[in-house]
C-alpha atoms as a PDB file:
ATOM      1  CA  MET A   1      -0.291   0.060   0.112  1.00  0.00           C
ATOM      2  CA  GLY A   2       3.051   2.234  -0.365  1.00  0.00           C
ATOM      3  CA  GLY A   3       6.444   2.726   0.282  1.00  0.00           C
ATOM      4  CA  ALA A   4       9.166   3.244   2.624  1.00  0.00           C
ATOM      5  CA  VAL A   5       9.252   6.052   5.541  1.00  0.00           C
ATOM      6  CA  LEU A   6      10.366   9.197   3.897  1.00  0.00           C
ATOM      7  CA  SER A   7      11.371  12.336   5.715  1.00  0.00           C
ATOM      8  CA  ALA A   8       9.032  15.127   4.977  1.00  0.00           C
ATOM      9  CA  THR A   9      11.588  17.673   4.976  1.00  0.00           C
ATOM     10  CA  VAL A  10      15.277  18.239   5.924  1.00  0.00           C
ATOM     11  CA  ALA A  11      14.215  21.203   8.091  1.00  0.00           C
ATOM     12  CA  VAL A  12      11.581  19.313  10.046  1.00  0.00           C
ATOM     13  CA  PRO A  13      13.245  16.097  11.035  1.00  0.00           C
ATOM     14  CA  GLU A  14      10.615  15.183  13.619  1.00  0.00           C
ATOM     15  CA  LEU A  15       8.031  14.742  10.736  1.00  0.00           C
ATOM     16  CA  GLN A  16       8.025  11.519   8.615  1.00  0.00           C
ATOM     17  CA  VAL A  17       5.122  11.023   6.208  1.00  0.00           C
ATOM     18  CA  ARG A  18       4.976   6.896   5.033  1.00  0.00           C
ATOM     19  CA  ALA A  19       2.303   4.578   3.864  1.00  0.00           C
ATOM     20  CA  PHE A  20      -0.650   3.919   6.217  1.00  0.00           C
ATOM     21  CA  ARG A  21      -0.455   0.794   8.240  1.00  0.00           C
ATOM     22  CA  ARG A  22      -3.101  -1.075   9.870  1.00  0.00           C
ATOM     23  CA  ARG A  23      -2.372  -0.237  13.381  1.00  0.00           C
ATOM     24  CA  ASP A  24      -2.904   3.490  12.331  1.00  0.00           C
ATOM     25  CA  SER A  25      -6.757   2.832  11.636  1.00  0.00           C
ATOM     26  CA  PRO A  26      -7.770   3.943  15.090  1.00  0.00           C
ATOM     27  CA  SER A  27      -6.263   7.281  14.606  1.00  0.00           C
ATOM     28  CA  TYR A  28      -8.109   7.642  11.292  1.00  0.00           C
ATOM     29  CA  SER A  29     -11.487   6.433  13.037  1.00  0.00           C
ATOM     30  CA  ARG A  30     -10.904   9.099  15.711  1.00  0.00           C
ATOM     31  CA  TRP A  31     -10.243  11.995  12.677  1.00  0.00           C
ATOM     32  CA  LEU A  32     -13.018  10.668  10.776  1.00  0.00           C
ATOM     33  CA  MET A  33     -15.509  11.219  13.645  1.00  0.00           C
ATOM     34  CA  GLU A  34     -14.117  14.304  15.456  1.00  0.00           C
ATOM     35  CA  GLU A  35     -12.595  16.682  12.477  1.00  0.00           C
ATOM     36  CA  PHE A  36     -15.310  16.485   9.875  1.00  0.00           C
ATOM     37  CA  PRO A  37     -18.310  17.525  11.682  1.00  0.00           C
ATOM     38  CA  GLU A  38     -20.383  18.666   8.739  1.00  0.00           C
ATOM     39  CA  GLU A  39     -19.822  15.626   6.743  1.00  0.00           C
ATOM     40  CA  ARG A  40     -19.919  13.264   9.697  1.00  0.00           C
ATOM     41  CA  GLU A  41     -23.565  14.679  10.380  1.00  0.00           C
ATOM     42  CA  THR A  42     -24.729  14.720   6.340  1.00  0.00           C
ATOM     43  CA  VAL A  43     -23.339  11.510   5.810  1.00  0.00           C
ATOM     44  CA  GLY A  44     -22.909   9.474   9.112  1.00  0.00           C
ATOM     45  CA  TYR A  45     -19.857   7.743   8.755  1.00  0.00           C
ATOM     46  CA  ARG A  46     -19.790   4.042  10.220  1.00  0.00           C
ATOM     47  CA  ALA A  47     -16.693   3.802  11.961  1.00  0.00           C
ATOM     48  CA  GLU A  48     -17.046  -0.161  12.663  1.00  0.00           C
ATOM     49  CA  SER A  49     -17.293  -0.376   8.848  1.00  0.00           C
ATOM     50  CA  MET A  50     -14.040   1.736   8.315  1.00  0.00           C
ATOM     51  CA  GLU A  51     -12.292  -0.798  10.458  1.00  0.00           C
ATOM     52  CA  ARG A  52     -13.881  -3.466   8.618  1.00  0.00           C
ATOM     53  CA  LEU A  53     -12.903  -2.194   5.215  1.00  0.00           C
ATOM     54  CA  ILE A  54      -9.262  -1.202   6.523  1.00  0.00           C
ATOM     55  CA  GLY A  55      -8.764  -5.016   7.587  1.00  0.00           C
ATOM     56  CA  ARG A  56      -9.947  -6.047   4.127  1.00  0.00           C
ATOM     57  CA  ALA A  57      -7.173  -3.908   2.697  1.00  0.00           C
ATOM     58  CA  TYR A  58      -4.633  -6.098   4.534  1.00  0.00           C
ATOM     59  CA  ARG A  59      -5.604  -9.372   3.441  1.00  0.00           C
ATOM     60  CA  PRO A  60      -2.794 -10.888   1.475  1.00  0.00           C
ATOM     61  CA  GLU A  61      -4.325 -11.211  -1.677  1.00  0.00           C
ATOM     62  CA  VAL A  62      -5.644  -7.736  -1.684  1.00  0.00           C
ATOM     63  CA  ARG A  63      -2.215  -6.590  -0.680  1.00  0.00           C
ATOM     64  CA  PHE A  64      -0.788  -8.577  -3.609  1.00  0.00           C
ATOM     65  CA  LEU A  65      -3.203  -7.192  -6.082  1.00  0.00           C
ATOM     66  CA  LEU A  66      -2.703  -3.463  -5.074  1.00  0.00           C
ATOM     67  CA  GLY A  67       0.991  -4.111  -5.181  1.00  0.00           C
ATOM     68  CA  LEU A  68       0.949  -5.529  -8.837  1.00  0.00           C
ATOM     69  CA  LEU A  69      -1.256  -2.912 -10.214  1.00  0.00           C
ATOM     70  CA  ARG A  70       1.532  -0.164  -8.666  1.00  0.00           C
ATOM     71  CA  TRP A  71       4.146  -2.258 -10.198  1.00  0.00           C
ATOM     72  CA  PHE A  72       2.457  -1.850 -13.642  1.00  0.00           C
ATOM     73  CA  GLY A  73       1.906   1.530 -13.219  1.00  0.00           C
ATOM     74  CA  ARG A  74      -1.748   1.605 -12.502  1.00  0.00           C
ATOM     75  CA  PRO A  75      -2.336   2.212  -9.020  1.00  0.00           C
ATOM     76  CA  ILE A  76      -5.851   2.783  -7.525  1.00  0.00           C
ATOM     77  CA  PHE A  77      -4.983   4.578  -4.402  1.00  0.00           C
ATOM     78  CA  SER A  78      -2.895   5.439  -1.655  1.00  0.00           C
ATOM     79  CA  LEU A  79      -3.155   6.487   1.887  1.00  0.00           C
ATOM     80  CA  TYR A  80      -0.594   8.593   3.732  1.00  0.00           C
ATOM     81  CA  PHE A  81       0.063   8.861   7.339  1.00  0.00           C
ATOM     82  CA  ALA A  82       1.961  11.536   9.074  1.00  0.00           C
ATOM     83  CA  GLU A  83       3.856  11.044  12.690  1.00  0.00           C
ATOM     84  CA  TRP A  84       5.720  13.813  14.646  1.00  0.00           C
ATOM     85  CA  ASN A  85       8.466  12.183  16.671  1.00  0.00           C
ATOM     86  CA  GLY A  86       6.273   8.834  16.321  1.00  0.00           C
ATOM     87  CA  GLN A  87       2.918   9.844  17.415  1.00  0.00           C
ATOM     88  CA  PRO A  88      -0.010  10.260  14.851  1.00  0.00           C
ATOM     89  CA  ALA A  89      -0.176  13.642  13.442  1.00  0.00           C
ATOM     90  CA  GLY A  90      -2.111  13.553  10.006  1.00  0.00           C
ATOM     91  CA  MET A  91      -3.464  11.800   7.093  1.00  0.00           C
ATOM     92  CA  ALA A  92      -4.990  12.036   3.673  1.00  0.00           C
ATOM     93  CA  PHE A  93      -6.118   9.580   0.851  1.00  0.00           C
ATOM     94  CA  LEU A  94      -5.067   9.699  -2.793  1.00  0.00           C
ATOM     95  CA  GLY A  95      -7.464   8.171  -5.338  1.00  0.00           C
ATOM     96  CA  PHE A  96      -5.761   8.097  -8.918  1.00  0.00           C
ATOM     97  CA  GLY A  97      -7.986   9.297 -11.983  1.00  0.00           C
ATOM     98  CA  GLU A  98      -6.871   8.961 -15.720  1.00  0.00           C
ATOM     99  CA  ARG A  99      -5.233  12.397 -15.793  1.00  0.00           C
ATOM    100  CA  SER A 100      -5.321  13.335 -12.336  1.00  0.00           C
ATOM    101  CA  GLY A 101      -5.250  12.467  -8.794  1.00  0.00           C
ATOM    102  CA  PHE A 102      -8.185  12.887  -6.276  1.00  0.00           C
ATOM    103  CA  ILE A 103      -6.792  14.010  -2.642  1.00  0.00           C
ATOM    104  CA  ALA A 104      -9.509  13.672   0.220  1.00  0.00           C
ATOM    105  CA  SER A 105      -9.652  13.293   4.044  1.00  0.00           C
ATOM    106  CA  VAL A 106      -6.702  15.936   4.377  1.00  0.00           C
ATOM    107  CA  VAL A 107      -6.533  16.083   8.268  1.00  0.00           C
ATOM    108  CA  THR A 108      -4.036  17.276  10.833  1.00  0.00           C
ATOM    109  CA  ASP A 109      -4.405  16.014  14.598  1.00  0.00           C
ATOM    110  CA  PRO A 110      -5.258  19.354  16.555  1.00  0.00           C
ATOM    111  CA  ALA A 111      -2.001  18.761  18.462  1.00  0.00           C
ATOM    112  CA  TYR A 112       0.329  19.337  15.490  1.00  0.00           C
ATOM    113  CA  ARG A 113      -1.466  21.964  13.726  1.00  0.00           C
ATOM    114  CA  GLY A 114       0.909  24.947  12.238  1.00  0.00           C
ATOM    115  CA  ARG A 115       3.971  22.529  12.168  1.00  0.00           C
ATOM    116  CA  GLY A 116       3.503  21.859   8.342  1.00  0.00           C
ATOM    117  CA  VAL A 117       2.079  18.695   8.562  1.00  0.00           C
ATOM    118  CA  ALA A 118      -0.784  18.908   5.674  1.00  0.00           C
ATOM    119  CA  SER A 119       2.288  20.680   3.460  1.00  0.00           C
ATOM    120  CA  ALA A 120       4.263  17.388   3.757  1.00  0.00           C
ATOM    121  CA  ILE A 121       1.418  15.161   3.136  1.00  0.00           C
ATOM    122  CA  LEU A 122       0.554  16.979  -0.124  1.00  0.00           C
ATOM    123  CA  ALA A 123       4.215  17.236  -1.087  1.00  0.00           C
ATOM    124  CA  ARG A 124       4.201  13.002  -0.544  1.00  0.00           C
ATOM    125  CA  ALA A 125       1.153  12.777  -2.829  1.00  0.00           C
ATOM    126  CA  HIS A 126       2.592  15.113  -5.647  1.00  0.00           C
ATOM    127  CA  ALA A 127       5.727  13.202  -5.642  1.00  0.00           C
ATOM    128  CA  ASP A 128       3.624  10.004  -6.372  1.00  0.00           C
ATOM    129  CA  LEU A 129       1.425  11.695  -8.971  1.00  0.00           C
ATOM    130  CA  ARG A 130       4.675  12.865 -10.454  1.00  0.00           C
ATOM    131  CA  ARG A 131       5.895   9.053 -10.629  1.00  0.00           C
ATOM    132  CA  PHE A 132       2.774   7.879 -12.016  1.00  0.00           C
ATOM    133  CA  ARG A 133       2.566  10.600 -14.730  1.00  0.00           C
ATOM    134  CA  ARG A 134      -0.562  12.268 -13.570  1.00  0.00           C
ATOM    135  CA  ARG A 135      -0.835  15.920 -14.774  1.00  0.00           C
ATOM    136  CA  TYR A 136      -3.020  17.464 -11.546  1.00  0.00           C
ATOM    137  CA  ALA A 137      -4.118  17.143  -7.885  1.00  0.00           C
ATOM    138  CA  VAL A 138      -7.896  18.022  -7.529  1.00  0.00           C
ATOM    139  CA  LEU A 139      -9.186  18.239  -4.043  1.00  0.00           C
ATOM    140  CA  GLU A 140     -12.309  19.751  -2.147  1.00  0.00           C
ATOM    141  CA  VAL A 141     -12.662  21.892   0.847  1.00  0.00           C
ATOM    142  CA  LEU A 142     -15.243  23.060   2.565  1.00  0.00           C
ATOM    143  CA  VAL A 143     -16.076  26.910   1.977  1.00  0.00           C
ATOM    144  CA  ARG A 144     -16.112  27.437   5.806  1.00  0.00           C
ATOM    145  CA  ASN A 145     -12.292  26.143   6.088  1.00  0.00           C
ATOM    146  CA  SER A 146     -10.605  29.368   5.528  1.00  0.00           C
ATOM    147  CA  GLY A 147      -7.352  28.237   6.546  1.00  0.00           C
ATOM    148  CA  ALA A 148      -7.372  24.893   4.415  1.00  0.00           C
ATOM    149  CA  ARG A 149      -8.295  27.008   1.340  1.00  0.00           C
ATOM    150  CA  ARG A 150      -5.412  29.771   2.407  1.00  0.00           C
ATOM    151  CA  LEU A 151      -2.862  26.666   2.747  1.00  0.00           C
ATOM    152  CA  TYR A 152      -4.154  25.329  -0.765  1.00  0.00           C
ATOM    153  CA  ARG A 153      -3.749  28.573  -2.281  1.00  0.00           C
ATOM    154  CA  LYS A 154      -0.139  28.874  -1.108  1.00  0.00           C
ATOM    155  CA  LEU A 155       0.896  25.833  -2.844  1.00  0.00           C
ATOM    156  CA  GLY A 156      -0.545  26.629  -5.864  1.00  0.00           C
ATOM    157  CA  TYR A 157      -4.057  25.245  -6.111  1.00  0.00           C
ATOM    158  CA  GLU A 158      -6.444  27.166  -7.653  1.00  0.00           C
ATOM    159  CA  PRO A 159     -10.534  27.207  -7.750  1.00  0.00           C
ATOM    160  CA  ILE A 160     -12.135  25.492 -10.302  1.00  0.00           C
ATOM    161  CA  ARG A 161     -16.056  25.022  -9.371  1.00  0.00           C
ATOM    162  CA  ASP A 162     -18.162  25.716  -6.653  1.00  0.00           C
ATOM    163  CA  LEU A 163     -19.933  22.894  -5.386  1.00  0.00           C
ATOM    164  CA  GLN A 164     -22.942  22.490  -2.916  1.00  0.00           C
ATOM    165  CA  THR A 165     -24.051  19.316  -0.932  1.00  0.00           C
ATOM    166  CA  TYR A 166     -27.683  18.416  -0.808  1.00  0.00           C
ATOM    167  CA  VAL A 167     -29.520  16.330   1.506  1.00  0.00           C
ATOM    168  CA  GLY A 168     -33.065  14.684   0.481  1.00  0.00           C
ATOM    169  CA  ALA A 169     -35.444  14.392   3.530  1.00  0.00           C
ATOM    170  CA  GLU A 170     -35.981  11.017   4.937  1.00  0.00           C
ATOM    171  CA  ARG A 171     -38.344   8.864   2.651  1.00  0.00           C
ATOM    172  CA  THR A 172     -40.852   6.314   4.134  1.00  0.00           C
ATOM    173  CA  GLU A 173     -41.989   5.067   1.038  1.00  0.00           C
ATOM    174  CA  GLY A 174     -41.342   5.555  -2.580  1.00  0.00           C
ATOM    175  CA  SER A 175     -42.645   8.249  -4.810  1.00  0.00           C
ATOM    176  CA  SER A 176     -44.157   7.745  -7.783  1.00  0.00           C
ATOM    177  CA  VAL A 177     -42.508   7.970 -11.148  1.00  0.00           C
ATOM    178  CA  GLY A 178     -44.119   9.080 -14.416  1.00  0.00           C
ATOM    179  CA  SER A 179     -43.750   7.818 -17.605  1.00  0.00           C
ATOM    180  CA  THR A 180     -40.308   9.050 -18.138  1.00  0.00           C
ATOM    181  CA  ARG A 181     -38.028   6.334 -20.045  1.00  0.00           C
ATOM    182  CA  ILE A 182     -35.087   5.147 -17.649  1.00  0.00           C
ATOM    183  CA  ARG A 183     -32.965   2.333 -18.000  1.00  0.00           C
ATOM    184  CA  PRO A 184     -29.732   1.068 -17.041  1.00  0.00           C
ATOM    185  CA  TRP A 185     -26.806   2.786 -19.129  1.00  0.00           C
ATOM    186  CA  ARG A 186     -25.006   0.579 -21.848  1.00  0.00           C
ATOM    187  CA  ARG A 187     -21.798   0.820 -23.040  1.00  0.00           C
ATOM    188  CA  ASP A 188     -22.902   2.056 -26.701  1.00  0.00           C
ATOM    189  CA  ASP A 189     -24.529   5.297 -25.091  1.00  0.00           C
ATOM    190  CA  LEU A 190     -21.015   6.265 -24.436  1.00  0.00           C
ATOM    191  CA  PRO A 191     -20.559   8.797 -27.506  1.00  0.00           C
ATOM    192  CA  ALA A 192     -23.935  10.445 -26.859  1.00  0.00           C
ATOM    193  CA  LEU A 193     -23.200  10.435 -23.232  1.00  0.00           C
ATOM    194  CA  ILE A 194     -19.746  11.964 -23.511  1.00  0.00           C
ATOM    195  CA  ARG A 195     -20.787  15.026 -25.556  1.00  0.00           C
ATOM    196  CA  LEU A 196     -23.673  15.749 -23.134  1.00  0.00           C
ATOM    197  CA  GLY A 197     -21.316  15.968 -20.562  1.00  0.00           C
ATOM    198  CA  GLU A 198     -18.650  18.209 -22.031  1.00  0.00           C
ATOM    199  CA  ARG A 199     -21.743  20.556 -22.941  1.00  0.00           C
ATOM    200  CA  CYS A 200     -22.201  20.534 -19.139  1.00  0.00           C
ATOM    201  CA  THR A 201     -18.718  20.896 -18.008  1.00  0.00           C
ATOM    202  CA  PRO A 202     -16.423  24.150 -17.792  1.00  0.00           C
ATOM    203  CA  ALA A 203     -13.205  24.153 -19.763  1.00  0.00           C
ATOM    204  CA  LYS A 204     -11.167  24.466 -16.742  1.00  0.00           C
ATOM    205  CA  VAL A 205     -12.575  21.440 -15.536  1.00  0.00           C
ATOM    206  CA  GLN A 206     -12.292  19.449 -18.214  1.00  0.00           C
ATOM    207  CA  GLU A 207      -8.426  20.227 -18.075  1.00  0.00           C
ATOM    208  CA  ALA A 208      -8.159  17.874 -14.863  1.00  0.00           C
ATOM    209  CA  ILE A 209     -11.057  15.839 -14.941  1.00  0.00           C
ATOM    210  CA  PRO A 210     -11.990  15.180 -18.719  1.00  0.00           C
ATOM    211  CA  VAL A 211     -15.440  13.917 -19.594  1.00  0.00           C
ATOM    212  CA  GLY A 212     -14.960  10.220 -20.660  1.00  0.00           C
ATOM    213  CA  ARG A 213     -15.646   6.620 -20.163  1.00  0.00           C
ATOM    214  CA  SER A 214     -14.643   6.650 -16.327  1.00  0.00           C
ATOM    215  CA  THR A 215     -17.274   9.761 -16.077  1.00  0.00           C
ATOM    216  CA  PHE A 216     -19.833   7.305 -16.699  1.00  0.00           C
ATOM    217  CA  ALA A 217     -18.675   3.594 -16.460  1.00  0.00           C
ATOM    218  CA  LEU A 218     -19.540   1.761 -13.113  1.00  0.00           C
ATOM    219  CA  PRO A 219     -16.753   2.090 -10.808  1.00  0.00           C
ATOM    220  CA  MET A 220     -14.112  -0.657 -10.312  1.00  0.00           C
ATOM    221  CA  GLY A 221     -11.625   1.114  -8.253  1.00  0.00           C
ATOM    222  CA  TRP A 222     -12.231   2.024  -4.831  1.00  0.00           C
ATOM    223  CA  ALA A 223     -15.853   1.860  -5.034  1.00  0.00           C
ATOM    224  CA  ALA A 224     -15.619  -1.641  -5.984  1.00  0.00           C
ATOM    225  CA  PHE A 225     -13.105  -2.404  -3.552  1.00  0.00           C
ATOM    226  CA  GLU A 226     -15.166  -0.575  -0.414  1.00  0.00           C
ATOM    227  CA  GLY A 227     -18.160  -2.665  -1.682  1.00  0.00           C
ATOM    228  CA  SER A 228     -20.455   0.056  -2.984  1.00  0.00           C
ATOM    229  CA  GLY A 229     -23.555  -1.091  -5.066  1.00  0.00           C
ATOM    230  CA  SER A 230     -23.293   1.357  -7.982  1.00  0.00           C
ATOM    231  CA  ALA A 231     -25.638   1.529 -11.092  1.00  0.00           C
ATOM    232  CA  GLY A 232     -25.619   3.931 -14.130  1.00  0.00           C
ATOM    233  CA  TRP A 233     -28.696   5.326 -15.378  1.00  0.00           C
ATOM    234  CA  VAL A 234     -29.946   6.840 -18.765  1.00  0.00           C
ATOM    235  CA  ILE A 235     -33.008   9.157 -19.300  1.00  0.00           C
ATOM    236  CA  GLU A 236     -34.032   8.693 -22.637  1.00  0.00           C
ATOM    237  CA  ARG A 237     -35.693  11.062 -25.006  1.00  0.00           C
ATOM    238  CA  ASP A 238     -36.571   9.846 -28.912  1.00  0.00           C
ATOM    239  CA  ALA A 239     -34.643   6.890 -28.265  1.00  0.00           C
ATOM    240  CA  ALA A 240     -31.195   8.593 -27.451  1.00  0.00           C
ATOM    241  CA  PRO A 241     -29.899   9.190 -24.251  1.00  0.00           C
ATOM    242  CA  ALA A 242     -30.386  12.708 -22.891  1.00  0.00           C
ATOM    243  CA  GLY A 243     -29.295  12.573 -19.318  1.00  0.00           C
ATOM    244  CA  PHE A 244     -27.470  10.562 -16.986  1.00  0.00           C
ATOM    245  CA  PHE A 245     -26.944   9.930 -12.995  1.00  0.00           C
ATOM    246  CA  ARG A 246     -25.391   7.076 -10.767  1.00  0.00           C
ATOM    247  CA  THR A 247     -26.685   5.874  -7.737  1.00  0.00           C
ATOM    248  CA  THR A 248     -24.516   4.638  -5.005  1.00  0.00           C
ATOM    249  CA  PHE A 249     -24.913   3.002  -1.662  1.00  0.00           C
ATOM    250  CA  GLY A 250     -21.996   1.473   0.123  1.00  0.00           C
ATOM    251  CA  GLN A 251     -20.924   0.059   3.592  1.00  0.00           C
ATOM    252  CA  LEU A 252     -19.517   3.379   5.153  1.00  0.00           C
ATOM    253  CA  SER A 253     -22.491   5.191   5.673  1.00  0.00           C
ATOM    254  CA  PRO A 254     -26.451   4.756   5.998  1.00  0.00           C
ATOM    255  CA  VAL A 255     -26.899   7.333   3.262  1.00  0.00           C
ATOM    256  CA  GLY A 256     -27.357   6.789  -0.440  1.00  0.00           C
ATOM    257  CA  HIS A 257     -25.466   8.705  -3.068  1.00  0.00           C
ATOM    258  CA  LEU A 258     -26.926  10.334  -6.324  1.00  0.00           C
ATOM    259  CA  SER A 259     -24.135  11.775  -8.507  1.00  0.00           C
ATOM    260  CA  ALA A 260     -24.583  15.366 -10.022  1.00  0.00           C
ATOM    261  CA  PRO A 261     -27.154  14.677 -12.557  1.00  0.00           C
ATOM    262  CA  VAL A 262     -26.511  15.226 -16.353  1.00  0.00           C
ATOM    263  CA  PHE A 263     -29.552  16.713 -17.892  1.00  0.00           C
ATOM    264  CA  GLY A 264     -29.571  17.873 -21.575  1.00  0.00           C
ATOM    265  CA  GLU A 265     -31.437  20.661 -22.411  1.00  0.00           C
ATOM    266  CA  GLU A 266     -34.489  19.232 -24.359  1.00  0.00           C
ATOM    267  CA  LEU A 267     -35.427  17.354 -20.991  1.00  0.00           C
ATOM    268  CA  GLY A 268     -38.498  19.097 -19.158  1.00  0.00           C
ATOM    269  CA  GLU A 269     -38.535  19.587 -15.477  1.00  0.00           C
ATOM    270  CA  SER A 270     -41.189  16.626 -15.426  1.00  0.00           C
ATOM    271  CA  GLU A 271     -38.680  14.540 -16.706  1.00  0.00           C
ATOM    272  CA  ARG A 272     -35.854  15.967 -14.546  1.00  0.00           C
ATOM    273  CA  ARG A 273     -38.015  15.243 -11.398  1.00  0.00           C
ATOM    274  CA  ASP A 274     -38.828  11.669 -12.312  1.00  0.00           C
ATOM    275  CA  ALA A 275     -34.938  11.127 -12.475  1.00  0.00           C
ATOM    276  CA  VAL A 276     -34.364  12.225  -9.124  1.00  0.00           C
ATOM    277  CA  ARG A 277     -37.356  10.085  -7.870  1.00  0.00           C
ATOM    278  CA  HIS A 278     -35.995   7.050  -9.501  1.00  0.00           C
ATOM    279  CA  ALA A 279     -32.558   7.689  -7.677  1.00  0.00           C
ATOM    280  CA  ALA A 280     -34.380   7.931  -4.380  1.00  0.00           C
ATOM    281  CA  ASN A 281     -36.506   4.992  -4.713  1.00  0.00           C
ATOM    282  CA  THR A 282     -33.609   3.260  -6.250  1.00  0.00           C
ATOM    283  CA  LEU A 283     -31.520   3.852  -3.365  1.00  0.00           C
ATOM    284  CA  GLY A 284     -34.412   3.340  -0.673  1.00  0.00           C
ATOM    285  CA  ARG A 285     -34.583  -0.155  -1.610  1.00  0.00           C
ATOM    286  CA  GLN A 286     -31.089  -0.901  -1.064  1.00  0.00           C
ATOM    287  CA  GLY A 287     -31.451   0.446   2.511  1.00  0.00           C
ATOM    288  CA  ALA A 288     -30.669   4.160   2.227  1.00  0.00           C
ATOM    289  CA  LYS A 289     -32.085   5.985   4.861  1.00  0.00           C
ATOM    290  CA  ARG A 290     -31.496   9.589   3.028  1.00  0.00           C
ATOM    291  CA  VAL A 291     -29.917  10.656  -0.313  1.00  0.00           C
ATOM    292  CA  ILE A 292     -27.159  13.115  -0.760  1.00  0.00           C
ATOM    293  CA  CYS A 293     -26.032  15.011  -3.728  1.00  0.00           C
ATOM    294  CA  GLU A 294     -22.740  16.915  -4.313  1.00  0.00           C
ATOM    295  CA  LEU A 295     -23.800  19.425  -7.290  1.00  0.00           C
ATOM    296  CA  PRO A 296     -21.678  21.763  -8.997  1.00  0.00           C
ATOM    297  CA  GLU A 297     -23.312  25.278  -8.475  1.00  0.00           C
ATOM    298  CA  ASP A 298     -23.587  26.028 -12.406  1.00  0.00           C
ATOM    299  CA  LEU A 299     -25.799  23.227 -12.991  1.00  0.00           C
ATOM    300  CA  LEU A 300     -28.693  25.006 -12.470  1.00  0.00           C
ATOM    301  CA  ASP A 301     -31.646  23.095 -14.005  1.00  0.00           C
ATOM    302  CA  ALA A 302     -30.236  20.149 -11.805  1.00  0.00           C
ATOM    303  CA  ARG A 303     -30.735  22.309  -8.703  1.00  0.00           C
ATOM    304  CA  THR A 304     -33.862  23.503  -9.350  1.00  0.00           C
ATOM    305  CA  THR A 305     -35.045  20.021  -9.542  1.00  0.00           C
ATOM    306  CA  LEU A 306     -33.431  19.045  -6.259  1.00  0.00           C
ATOM    307  CA  LEU A 307     -34.991  21.865  -4.261  1.00  0.00           C
ATOM    308  CA  SER A 308     -38.529  21.196  -5.902  1.00  0.00           C
ATOM    309  CA  GLU A 309     -37.887  17.218  -4.696  1.00  0.00           C
ATOM    310  CA  GLY A 310     -37.519  18.594  -1.128  1.00  0.00           C
ATOM    311  CA  PHE A 311     -33.162  18.892  -1.064  1.00  0.00           C
ATOM    312  CA  GLN A 312     -31.783  21.099   1.011  1.00  0.00           C
ATOM    313  CA  PRO A 313     -28.316  22.661   1.175  1.00  0.00           C
ATOM    314  CA  ALA A 314     -26.044  21.221   3.793  1.00  0.00           C
ATOM    315  CA  TYR A 315     -22.545  22.742   2.913  1.00  0.00           C
ATOM    316  CA  GLY A 316     -20.544  24.386   0.059  1.00  0.00           C
ATOM    317  CA  SER A 317     -17.311  23.287  -1.235  1.00  0.00           C
ATOM    318  CA  GLU A 318     -14.728  24.667  -3.536  1.00  0.00           C
ATOM    319  CA  GLN A 319     -13.041  22.071  -5.812  1.00  0.00           C
ATOM    320  CA  MET A 320      -9.387  23.026  -6.799  1.00  0.00           C
ATOM    321  CA  ARG A 321      -6.518  21.958  -8.916  1.00  0.00           C
ATOM    322  CA  TYR A 322      -2.922  21.673  -8.583  1.00  0.00           C
ATOM    323  CA  ALA A 323      -0.467  21.376 -12.074  1.00  0.00           C
ATOM    324  CA  ILE A 324       1.959  18.576 -11.149  1.00  0.00           C
ATOM    325  CA  PRO A 325       5.355  19.947 -11.959  1.00  0.00           C
ATOM    326  CA  ARG A 326       7.033  17.709 -14.817  1.00  0.00           C
END
């Protein structure tokens, strides 16, 4: 799951950044519960599920597969752990996309803030992205977290998109869906969906996160490893794809996830609402207590539809990118 212990910087010998080890999982669970209050309240992380997931990652066959993929230059993810004089100081997650790496769960223990821990972890992640020939690092930071936003800008990150997480009301029964044609996505939908996705995605975002097969294909990396039940759905109009969304429900949280819906201009409000209801019904049947959706603020039709279906804004985030030096 990583390499040898590395000194983060010569100037701070007390600080080391290394690959995550199984014995680090209690610190990870504690930080997840204590340092991400908005996400915890909205998503409802299950600490016991996280412990089981980490245990699964350390099975011999899983470690062999992950190591083999890294050897061939196709890593799925990395977990970094920072220590200050041997004490847990921070961590971060890095998932590998086709062009970029996606950094999440960047956390510094309160006892070690202001000592360069997060910067050292990000430097290690950037080095791995350079090693595996990725062009960008992408992360999201809460709008209210002004300290982290200042740090990322200082390190060279630039904002590319504003996001808002919406939460649906708890549902005791399914909502009725009209006559809109909604079906599972197929591989032959890709050309039309890619054109649709490109029309809905700003150029600055596409530089780092290009619209392609991975935008619509069922996730085979971390989500598959985590045990998520994920399905892609196409909204049809005149026997052609006119919209797309994905539903995901996993082991780490009692809520279901609706991806940011991609709606073609030809779709009416009733068709868009049918799509959101279909997603909520699907996730409800899987056991989700409620549905959340992280939506780019520029997707105005999707925002209007979510609000009309009873979704409420929970918190805002800023998506940022960093160009990896070559």
